[in-house]
Each structure stands twice: as C-alpha cells, then as structure tokens.
C-alpha cells in the first residue's frame, strides 16, 4: 500500500529542495554510468526515477492561494 504525505514548504524551502534534488539526480546519473554492478545499477535507476518523480511534482506545484490566469 502506497502512503501519501503532504508537506507545506515556503517558496524558499521549495527552491532549496529543488536544487538539492537536482544535484542528487545528476550524481545518481553519474554513478549509474560508472558502476559495473548490475544489481547496484538497477537500484540507482529506481532511485533516480523516484527523485525525478518528486522533482516533477515540485516543478508543477502551485503555491497555495495562487490562481492561474
């Protein structure tokens, strides 16, 4: 069973989290390309998919109280 969690972030916290996750995603991609161990590579790829999913959610999230024009 998948559990959903909601987190409230300020705009600056959101930007910092995006930066941290983007940096981590780049590191994961580098590590994936460098490793020779198949099992470890698969684990890293799953981690990268998860990080990318979180990044996508953060990028499309609208701050509370803002209405699109």
C-alpha atoms as a PDB file:
ATOM      1  CA  UNK A   1       0.000   0.000   0.000  1.00  0.00           C
ATOM      2  CA  UNK A   2       1.343   3.393  -1.054  1.00  0.00           C
ATOM      3  CA  UNK A   3       1.203   6.144   1.571  1.00  0.00           C
ATOM      4  CA  UNK A   4       0.705   9.763   0.551  1.00  0.00           C
ATOM      5  CA  UNK A   5       2.371  12.536   2.533  1.00  0.00           C
ATOM      6  CA  UNK A   6       1.718  16.259   2.284  1.00  0.00           C
ATOM      7  CA  UNK A   7       4.410  18.758   3.202  1.00  0.00           C
ATOM      8  CA  UNK A   8       3.988  22.508   3.330  1.00  0.00           C
ATOM      9  CA  UNK A   9       7.025  24.450   2.124  1.00  0.00           C
ATOM     10  CA  UNK A  10       7.766  28.123   1.812  1.00  0.00           C
ATOM     11  CA  UNK A  11       8.867  29.321  -1.609  1.00  0.00           C
ATOM     12  CA  UNK A  12      12.495  29.437  -0.493  1.00  0.00           C
ATOM     13  CA  UNK A  13      12.291  25.939   1.013  1.00  0.00           C
ATOM     14  CA  UNK A  14      10.785  24.653  -2.249  1.00  0.00           C
ATOM     15  CA  UNK A  15      13.598  26.222  -4.286  1.00  0.00           C
ATOM     16  CA  UNK A  16      16.248  24.775  -1.978  1.00  0.00           C
ATOM     17  CA  UNK A  17      14.668  21.328  -2.135  1.00  0.00           C
ATOM     18  CA  UNK A  18      14.558  21.525  -5.944  1.00  0.00           C
ATOM     19  CA  UNK A  19      18.243  22.456  -6.035  1.00  0.00           C
ATOM     20  CA  UNK A  20      19.229  19.639  -3.673  1.00  0.00           C
ATOM     21  CA  UNK A  21      17.212  17.046  -5.591  1.00  0.00           C
ATOM     22  CA  UNK A  22      18.509  18.236  -8.975  1.00  0.00           C
ATOM     23  CA  UNK A  23      22.090  17.929  -7.704  1.00  0.00           C
ATOM     24  CA  UNK A  24      21.379  14.471  -6.303  1.00  0.00           C
ATOM     25  CA  UNK A  25      19.743  13.399  -9.577  1.00  0.00           C
ATOM     26  CA  UNK A  26      22.867  14.413 -11.514  1.00  0.00           C
ATOM     27  CA  UNK A  27      25.035  12.452  -9.060  1.00  0.00           C
ATOM     28  CA  UNK A  28      22.816   9.388  -9.439  1.00  0.00           C
ATOM     29  CA  UNK A  29      23.093   9.540 -13.233  1.00  0.00           C
ATOM     30  CA  UNK A  30      26.892   9.785 -12.974  1.00  0.00           C
ATOM     31  CA  UNK A  31      27.012   6.846 -10.585  1.00  0.00           C
ATOM     32  CA  UNK A  32      24.736   4.788 -12.851  1.00  0.00           C
ATOM     33  CA  UNK A  33      27.084   5.335 -15.772  1.00  0.00           C
ATOM     34  CA  UNK A  34      30.166   4.455 -13.694  1.00  0.00           C
ATOM     35  CA  UNK A  35      29.062   1.286 -11.927  1.00  0.00           C
ATOM     36  CA  UNK A  36      29.732  -2.189 -13.276  1.00  0.00           C
ATOM     37  CA  UNK A  37      27.469  -3.980 -10.788  1.00  0.00           C
ATOM     38  CA  UNK A  38      24.133  -4.776 -12.424  1.00  0.00           C
ATOM     39  CA  UNK A  39      22.127  -5.016  -9.196  1.00  0.00           C
ATOM     40  CA  UNK A  40      23.518  -1.745  -7.886  1.00  0.00           C
ATOM     41  CA  UNK A  41      22.801  -0.063 -11.230  1.00  0.00           C
ATOM     42  CA  UNK A  42      19.158  -1.197 -11.061  1.00  0.00           C
ATOM     43  CA  UNK A  43      18.839   0.169  -7.532  1.00  0.00           C
ATOM     44  CA  UNK A  44      20.303   3.503  -8.619  1.00  0.00           C
ATOM     45  CA  UNK A  45      17.938   3.659 -11.603  1.00  0.00           C
ATOM     46  CA  UNK A  46      14.950   3.114  -9.310  1.00  0.00           C
ATOM     47  CA  UNK A  47      16.241   5.845  -7.009  1.00  0.00           C
ATOM     48  CA  UNK A  48      16.673   8.178  -9.994  1.00  0.00           C
ATOM     49  CA  UNK A  49      13.082   7.507 -11.124  1.00  0.00           C
ATOM     50  CA  UNK A  50      11.844   8.361  -7.650  1.00  0.00           C
ATOM     51  CA  UNK A  51      13.890  11.575  -7.482  1.00  0.00           C
ATOM     52  CA  UNK A  52      12.657  12.600 -10.946  1.00  0.00           C
ATOM     53  CA  UNK A  53       9.042  11.962  -9.917  1.00  0.00           C
ATOM     54  CA  UNK A  54       9.481  14.168  -6.852  1.00  0.00           C
ATOM     55  CA  UNK A  55      11.138  16.870  -8.955  1.00  0.00           C
ATOM     56  CA  UNK A  56       8.254  16.796 -11.429  1.00  0.00           C
ATOM     57  CA  UNK A  57       5.733  17.187  -8.615  1.00  0.00           C
ATOM     58  CA  UNK A  58       7.640  20.105  -7.126  1.00  0.00           C
ATOM     59  CA  UNK A  59       8.005  21.812 -10.504  1.00  0.00           C
ATOM     60  CA  UNK A  60       4.281  21.746 -11.267  1.00  0.00           C
ATOM     61  CA  UNK A  61       3.095  22.511  -7.727  1.00  0.00           C
ATOM     62  CA  UNK A  62       1.368  25.849  -7.407  1.00  0.00           C
ATOM     63  CA  UNK A  63       1.797  27.859  -4.226  1.00  0.00           C
ATOM     64  CA  UNK A  64      -1.362  27.907  -2.094  1.00  0.00           C
ATOM     65  CA  UNK A  65      -3.554  30.911  -2.688  1.00  0.00           C
ATOM     66  CA  UNK A  66      -2.411  31.499  -6.275  1.00  0.00           C
ATOM     67  CA  UNK A  67      -4.969  31.224  -9.042  1.00  0.00           C
ATOM     68  CA  UNK A  68      -3.906  30.711 -12.654  1.00  0.00           C
ATOM     69  CA  UNK A  69      -4.963  33.426 -15.083  1.00  0.00           C
END
